[in-house]
C-alpha atoms as a PDB file:
ATOM      1  CA  MET A   1      87.390  -7.767-171.087  1.00  0.00           C
ATOM      2  CA  GLU A   2      86.479  -5.974-174.101  1.00  0.00           C
ATOM      3  CA  GLN A   3      87.611  -2.573-172.658  1.00  0.00           C
ATOM      4  CA  LYS A   4      90.907  -3.884-171.899  1.00  0.00           C
ATOM      5  CA  LEU A   5      91.319  -5.476-175.279  1.00  0.00           C
ATOM      6  CA  ALA A   6      90.234  -2.189-176.751  1.00  0.00           C
ATOM      7  CA  GLU A   7      92.783  -0.327-174.682  1.00  0.00           C
ATOM      8  CA  PHE A   8      95.582  -2.787-175.622  1.00  0.00           C
ATOM      9  CA  ARG A   9      94.735  -2.276-179.343  1.00  0.00           C
ATOM     10  CA  ALA A  10      94.660   1.415-179.112  1.00  0.00           C
ATOM     11  CA  ARG A  11      97.996   1.475-177.207  1.00  0.00           C
ATOM     12  CA  ARG A  12      99.545  -0.898-179.868  1.00  0.00           C
ATOM     13  CA  GLN A  13      98.346   1.432-182.575  1.00  0.00           C
ATOM     14  CA  ALA A  14      99.682   4.451-181.000  1.00  0.00           C
ATOM     15  CA  GLU A  15     103.102   2.714-180.657  1.00  0.00           C
ATOM     16  CA  LYS A  16     102.886   1.796-184.436  1.00  0.00           C
ATOM     17  CA  ALA A  17     102.000   5.364-185.257  1.00  0.00           C
ATOM     18  CA  ALA A  18     104.849   6.773-183.162  1.00  0.00           C
ATOM     19  CA  GLN A  19     107.254   4.341-184.843  1.00  0.00           C
ATOM     20  CA  LYS A  20     106.101   5.280-188.307  1.00  0.00           C
ATOM     21  CA  SER A  21     106.279   8.878-187.616  1.00  0.00           C
ATOM     22  CA  GLN A  22     109.683   8.690-186.463  1.00  0.00           C
ATOM     23  CA  THR A  23     112.416   7.990-189.041  1.00  0.00           C
ATOM     24  CA  PRO A  24     115.683   6.244-188.101  1.00  0.00           C
ATOM     25  CA  GLY A  25     117.870   9.136-188.906  1.00  0.00           C
ATOM     26  CA  SER A  26     115.646  11.950-188.205  1.00  0.00           C
ATOM     27  CA  GLN A  27     116.319  12.265-184.397  1.00  0.00           C
ATOM     28  CA  SER A  28     119.555  12.443-182.546  1.00  0.00           C
ATOM     29  CA  ARG A  29     120.162  10.443-179.380  1.00  0.00           C
ATOM     30  CA  GLY A  30     119.880  13.634-177.287  1.00  0.00           C
ATOM     31  CA  GLU A  31     116.507  14.641-178.477  1.00  0.00           C
ATOM     32  CA  THR A  32     115.312  11.045-177.890  1.00  0.00           C
ATOM     33  CA  ALA A  33     116.693  11.143-174.306  1.00  0.00           C
ATOM     34  CA  ALA A  34     115.205  14.561-173.588  1.00  0.00           C
ATOM     35  CA  ASP A  35     111.779  13.275-174.875  1.00  0.00           C
ATOM     36  CA  THR A  36     112.012  10.224-172.448  1.00  0.00           C
ATOM     37  CA  ALA A  37     113.015  12.392-169.530  1.00  0.00           C
ATOM     38  CA  ALA A  38     110.120  14.836-170.172  1.00  0.00           C
ATOM     39  CA  GLN A  39     107.945  11.923-170.438  1.00  0.00           C
ATOM     40  CA  CYS A  40     108.976  10.496-166.970  1.00  0.00           C
ATOM     41  CA  ASP A  41     108.666  13.817-165.452  1.00  0.00           C
ATOM     42  CA  LYS A  42     104.920  14.140-166.206  1.00  0.00           C
ATOM     43  CA  THR A  43     102.715  12.692-163.478  1.00  0.00           C
ATOM     44  CA  PRO A  44      99.318  12.087-165.038  1.00  0.00           C
ATOM     45  CA  THR A  45      96.272  13.146-162.926  1.00  0.00           C
ATOM     46  CA  ALA A  46      92.828  11.288-163.062  1.00  0.00           C
ATOM     47  CA  ASP A  47      91.197  13.547-165.318  1.00  0.00           C
ATOM     48  CA  SER A  48      93.864  13.294-167.890  1.00  0.00           C
ATOM     49  CA  LEU A  49      93.959   9.568-167.703  1.00  0.00           C
ATOM     50  CA  GLN A  50      90.124   9.571-168.000  1.00  0.00           C
ATOM     51  CA  SER A  51      90.168  11.816-171.226  1.00  0.00           C
ATOM     52  CA  GLU A  52      93.115   9.765-172.499  1.00  0.00           C
ATOM     53  CA  ASP A  53      91.110   6.600-172.099  1.00  0.00           C
ATOM     54  CA  ARG A  54      88.125   8.045-173.832  1.00  0.00           C
ATOM     55  CA  ALA A  55      90.257   9.091-176.730  1.00  0.00           C
ATOM     56  CA  ARG A  56      91.883   5.623-176.996  1.00  0.00           C
ATOM     57  CA  ASN A  57      88.574   3.981-176.923  1.00  0.00           C
ATOM     58  CA  ASN A  58      87.163   6.101-179.678  1.00  0.00           C
ATOM     59  CA  GLN A  59      90.296   5.630-181.619  1.00  0.00           C
ATOM     60  CA  ALA A  60      90.232   1.813-180.889  1.00  0.00           C
ATOM     61  CA  ALA A  61      86.583   1.539-182.105  1.00  0.00           C
ATOM     62  CA  THR A  62      87.343   3.207-185.353  1.00  0.00           C
ATOM     63  CA  ASP A  63      90.708   1.430-185.879  1.00  0.00           C
ATOM     64  CA  GLY A  64      89.358  -1.818-184.657  1.00  0.00           C
ATOM     65  CA  SER A  65      86.466  -1.698-187.060  1.00  0.00           C
ATOM     66  CA  GLN A  66      88.812  -0.862-189.866  1.00  0.00           C
ATOM     67  CA  SER A  67      91.305  -3.660-188.949  1.00  0.00           C
ATOM     68  CA  ARG A  68      88.507  -6.325-188.464  1.00  0.00           C
ATOM     69  CA  ASP A  69      87.304  -5.327-192.041  1.00  0.00           C
ATOM     70  CA  ARG A  70      90.814  -6.111-193.292  1.00  0.00           C
ATOM     71  CA  GLY A  71      91.461  -9.084-190.722  1.00  0.00           C
ATOM     72  CA  ASP A  72      88.337 -11.085-191.135  1.00  0.00           C
ATOM     73  CA  TRP A  73      88.277 -11.279-195.012  1.00  0.00           C
ATOM     74  CA  LEU A  74      89.278 -15.031-194.733  1.00  0.00           C
ATOM     75  CA  LEU A  75      86.617 -15.687-192.218  1.00  0.00           C
ATOM     76  CA  ASP A  76      84.116 -14.044-194.473  1.00  0.00           C
ATOM     77  CA  SER A  77      84.921 -16.300-197.387  1.00  0.00           C
ATOM     78  CA  ALA A  78      83.287 -19.675-198.086  1.00  0.00           C
ATOM     79  CA  LEU A  79      86.618 -21.430-196.963  1.00  0.00           C
ATOM     80  CA  GLY A  80      86.525 -19.572-193.803  1.00  0.00           C
ATOM     81  CA  LYS A  81      83.094 -20.393-192.999  1.00  0.00           C
ATOM     82  CA  TRP A  82      83.709 -23.967-193.556  1.00  0.00           C
ATOM     83  CA  LEU A  83      86.851 -24.007-191.250  1.00  0.00           C
ATOM     84  CA  ALA A  84      84.787 -22.219-188.723  1.00  0.00           C
ATOM     85  CA  SER A  85      82.100 -24.797-188.588  1.00  0.00           C
ATOM     86  CA  ARG A  86      84.365 -27.440-187.856  1.00  0.00           C
ATOM     87  CA  GLN A  87      82.550 -29.999-190.037  1.00  0.00           C
ATOM     88  CA  PHE A  88      85.329 -31.733-191.554  1.00  0.00           C
ATOM     89  CA  VAL A  89      84.927 -34.702-193.723  1.00  0.00           C
ATOM     90  CA  ILE A  90      87.762 -36.536-192.503  1.00  0.00           C
ATOM     91  CA  SER A  91      89.357 -36.524-189.068  1.00  0.00           C
ATOM     92  CA  ASN A  92      93.007 -36.215-188.018  1.00  0.00           C
ATOM     93  CA  ILE A  93      93.220 -39.931-187.454  1.00  0.00           C
ATOM     94  CA  THR A  94      92.128 -40.762-191.026  1.00  0.00           C
ATOM     95  CA  LEU A  95      94.272 -38.058-192.293  1.00  0.00           C
ATOM     96  CA  LEU A  96      97.318 -39.667-190.582  1.00  0.00           C
ATOM     97  CA  LYS A  97      96.301 -43.045-191.942  1.00  0.00           C
ATOM     98  CA  VAL A  98      96.190 -41.820-195.476  1.00  0.00           C
ATOM     99  CA  LEU A  99      99.618 -40.215-195.055  1.00  0.00           C
ATOM    100  CA  LEU A 100     101.355 -43.379-193.482  1.00  0.00           C
ATOM    101  CA  TRP A 101      99.770 -45.278-196.342  1.00  0.00           C
ATOM    102  CA  LEU A 102     101.363 -42.873-198.910  1.00  0.00           C
ATOM    103  CA  VAL A 103     104.675 -42.967-197.163  1.00  0.00           C
ATOM    104  CA  LEU A 104     104.534 -46.905-197.095  1.00  0.00           C
ATOM    105  CA  LEU A 105     103.484 -46.825-200.816  1.00  0.00           C
ATOM    106  CA  GLY A 106     106.454 -44.715-201.631  1.00  0.00           C
ATOM    107  CA  LEU A 107     108.793 -47.140-199.683  1.00  0.00           C
ATOM    108  CA  PHE A 108     107.509 -50.437-201.290  1.00  0.00           C
ATOM    109  CA  ALA A 109     107.486 -48.604-204.797  1.00  0.00           C
ATOM    110  CA  GLU A 110     111.238 -47.948-204.134  1.00  0.00           C
ATOM    111  CA  LEU A 111     111.806 -51.556-203.251  1.00  0.00           C
ATOM    112  CA  GLU A 112     109.729 -52.595-206.349  1.00  0.00           C
ATOM    113  CA  PHE A 113     107.125 -54.115-204.482  1.00  0.00           C
ATOM    114  CA  GLY A 114     104.717 -51.128-205.028  1.00  0.00           C
ATOM    115  CA  LEU A 115     102.039 -53.133-207.059  1.00  0.00           C
ATOM    116  CA  PRO A 116     101.715 -55.944-204.491  1.00  0.00           C
ATOM    117  CA  PHE A 117     101.432 -53.454-201.660  1.00  0.00           C
ATOM    118  CA  PHE A 118      98.642 -51.599-203.521  1.00  0.00           C
ATOM    119  CA  VAL A 119      96.682 -54.889-204.252  1.00  0.00           C
ATOM    120  CA  ILE A 120      97.077 -56.023-200.723  1.00  0.00           C
ATOM    121  CA  SER A 121      95.804 -52.711-199.577  1.00  0.00           C
ATOM    122  CA  LEU A 122      92.756 -52.932-201.708  1.00  0.00           C
ATOM    123  CA  PHE A 123      91.828 -56.280-200.320  1.00  0.00           C
ATOM    124  CA  TYR A 124      92.462 -54.932-196.951  1.00  0.00           C
ATOM    125  CA  TRP A 125      90.013 -51.989-197.704  1.00  0.00           C
ATOM    126  CA  LEU A 126      87.481 -54.452-199.214  1.00  0.00           C
ATOM    127  CA  TYR A 127      87.559 -56.547-195.895  1.00  0.00           C
ATOM    128  CA  GLU A 128      87.251 -53.360-193.701  1.00  0.00           C
ATOM    129  CA  GLY A 129      84.476 -51.801-195.765  1.00  0.00           C
ATOM    130  CA  LEU A 130      82.332 -55.064-195.761  1.00  0.00           C
ATOM    131  CA  ARG A 131      83.025 -55.893-192.164  1.00  0.00           C
ATOM    132  CA  SER A 132      80.245 -54.508-190.024  1.00  0.00           C
ATOM    133  CA  PRO A 133      81.257 -52.387-186.749  1.00  0.00           C
ATOM    134  CA  ALA A 134      78.770 -54.155-184.745  1.00  0.00           C
ATOM    135  CA  PRO A 135      76.776 -57.408-184.839  1.00  0.00           C
ATOM    136  CA  ARG A 136      73.286 -57.165-186.155  1.00  0.00           C
ATOM    137  CA  LYS A 137      70.382 -56.849-183.822  1.00  0.00           C
ATOM    138  CA  PRO A 138      67.914 -59.640-183.256  1.00  0.00           C
ATOM    139  CA  GLY A 139      65.434 -59.283-186.036  1.00  0.00           C
ATOM    140  CA  GLU A 140      67.374 -57.050-188.342  1.00  0.00           C
ATOM    141  CA  LEU A 141      67.388 -58.428-191.772  1.00  0.00           C
ATOM    142  CA  SER A 142      70.551 -58.646-193.892  1.00  0.00           C
ATOM    143  CA  ALA A 143      70.552 -56.782-197.316  1.00  0.00           C
ATOM    144  CA  TYR A 144      71.361 -60.078-198.875  1.00  0.00           C
ATOM    145  CA  SER A 145      68.241 -62.243-198.755  1.00  0.00           C
ATOM    146  CA  VAL A 146      70.234 -65.467-198.831  1.00  0.00           C
ATOM    147  CA  PHE A 147      71.385 -64.625-195.208  1.00  0.00           C
ATOM    148  CA  ASN A 148      67.796 -63.971-193.901  1.00  0.00           C
ATOM    149  CA  PRO A 149      65.530 -66.517-192.454  1.00  0.00           C
ATOM    150  CA  ASP A 150      63.567 -68.311-195.272  1.00  0.00           C
ATOM    151  CA  CYS A 151      65.361 -66.115-197.748  1.00  0.00           C
ATOM    152  CA  GLN A 152      63.301 -63.283-196.959  1.00  0.00           C
ATOM    153  CA  PRO A 153      64.035 -60.206-199.119  1.00  0.00           C
ATOM    154  CA  LEU A 154      64.028 -56.582-197.730  1.00  0.00           C
ATOM    155  CA  LEU A 155      60.938 -54.546-198.313  1.00  0.00           C
ATOM    156  CA  GLY A 156      61.194 -52.742-201.767  1.00  0.00           C
ATOM    157  CA  ALA A 157      63.941 -55.310-203.150  1.00  0.00           C
ATOM    158  CA  LEU A 158      63.495 -56.195-206.722  1.00  0.00           C
ATOM    159  CA  THR A 159      63.083 -60.181-207.029  1.00  0.00           C
ATOM    160  CA  ALA A 160      63.549 -62.120-210.053  1.00  0.00           C
ATOM    161  CA  GLU A 161      59.803 -63.232-210.178  1.00  0.00           C
ATOM    162  CA  GLN A 162      58.828 -59.645-210.055  1.00  0.00           C
ATOM    163  CA  LEU A 163      61.112 -58.486-212.871  1.00  0.00           C
ATOM    164  CA  GLU A 164      59.904 -61.467-215.182  1.00  0.00           C
ATOM    165  CA  GLY A 165      56.409 -60.262-214.372  1.00  0.00           C
ATOM    166  CA  GLU A 166      56.993 -56.823-215.283  1.00  0.00           C
ATOM    167  CA  MET A 167      58.734 -57.542-218.538  1.00  0.00           C
ATOM    168  CA  GLY A 168      56.046 -59.831-219.615  1.00  0.00           C
ATOM    169  CA  TYR A 169      57.605 -63.201-219.572  1.00  0.00           C
ATOM    170  CA  ARG A 170      55.529 -66.157-218.613  1.00  0.00           C
ATOM    171  CA  PRO A 171      56.664 -69.398-217.252  1.00  0.00           C
ATOM    172  CA  LEU A 172      56.676 -72.319-220.263  1.00  0.00           C
ATOM    173  CA  ALA A 173      54.296 -74.455-218.354  1.00  0.00           C
ATOM    174  CA  ASN A 174      51.568 -71.864-218.286  1.00  0.00           C
ATOM    175  CA  ARG A 175      51.719 -70.930-222.076  1.00  0.00           C
END
């Protein structure tokens, strides 16, 4: 497959070089017709085809490395590496949602209901952000101790009693 690709690139480079060497007004139609007739009369042999293939492969290798150096500059940059990694922060669905929200915001702003739309959107985002996607597993504690059995706090949570003890406050009854 790589050999076919190299042959294709070599052929394309040769065609481009031929087009560059020919200027539009330098050859007459008679000369062009004579050249095509001469090319049609030639019947290539197996030896000539092999030597042409070798020459094309060598040319393609040198031209390919030069074109790779010029063509892959974007992939070698930090942006190219990030795009190639396909680790996007937002997905296409999220991007479409944001674009839809911006269009709706523009529509409601045109109808002079932009502020209410924005406030309602904020409340919706709060609701979606605080809602957990799945119910808690049995035995899993909530971050808010009042929702846990016996108001049990999470390990490492700072309680009011612990804070008072660290600040040096003592209850009035023990003074």
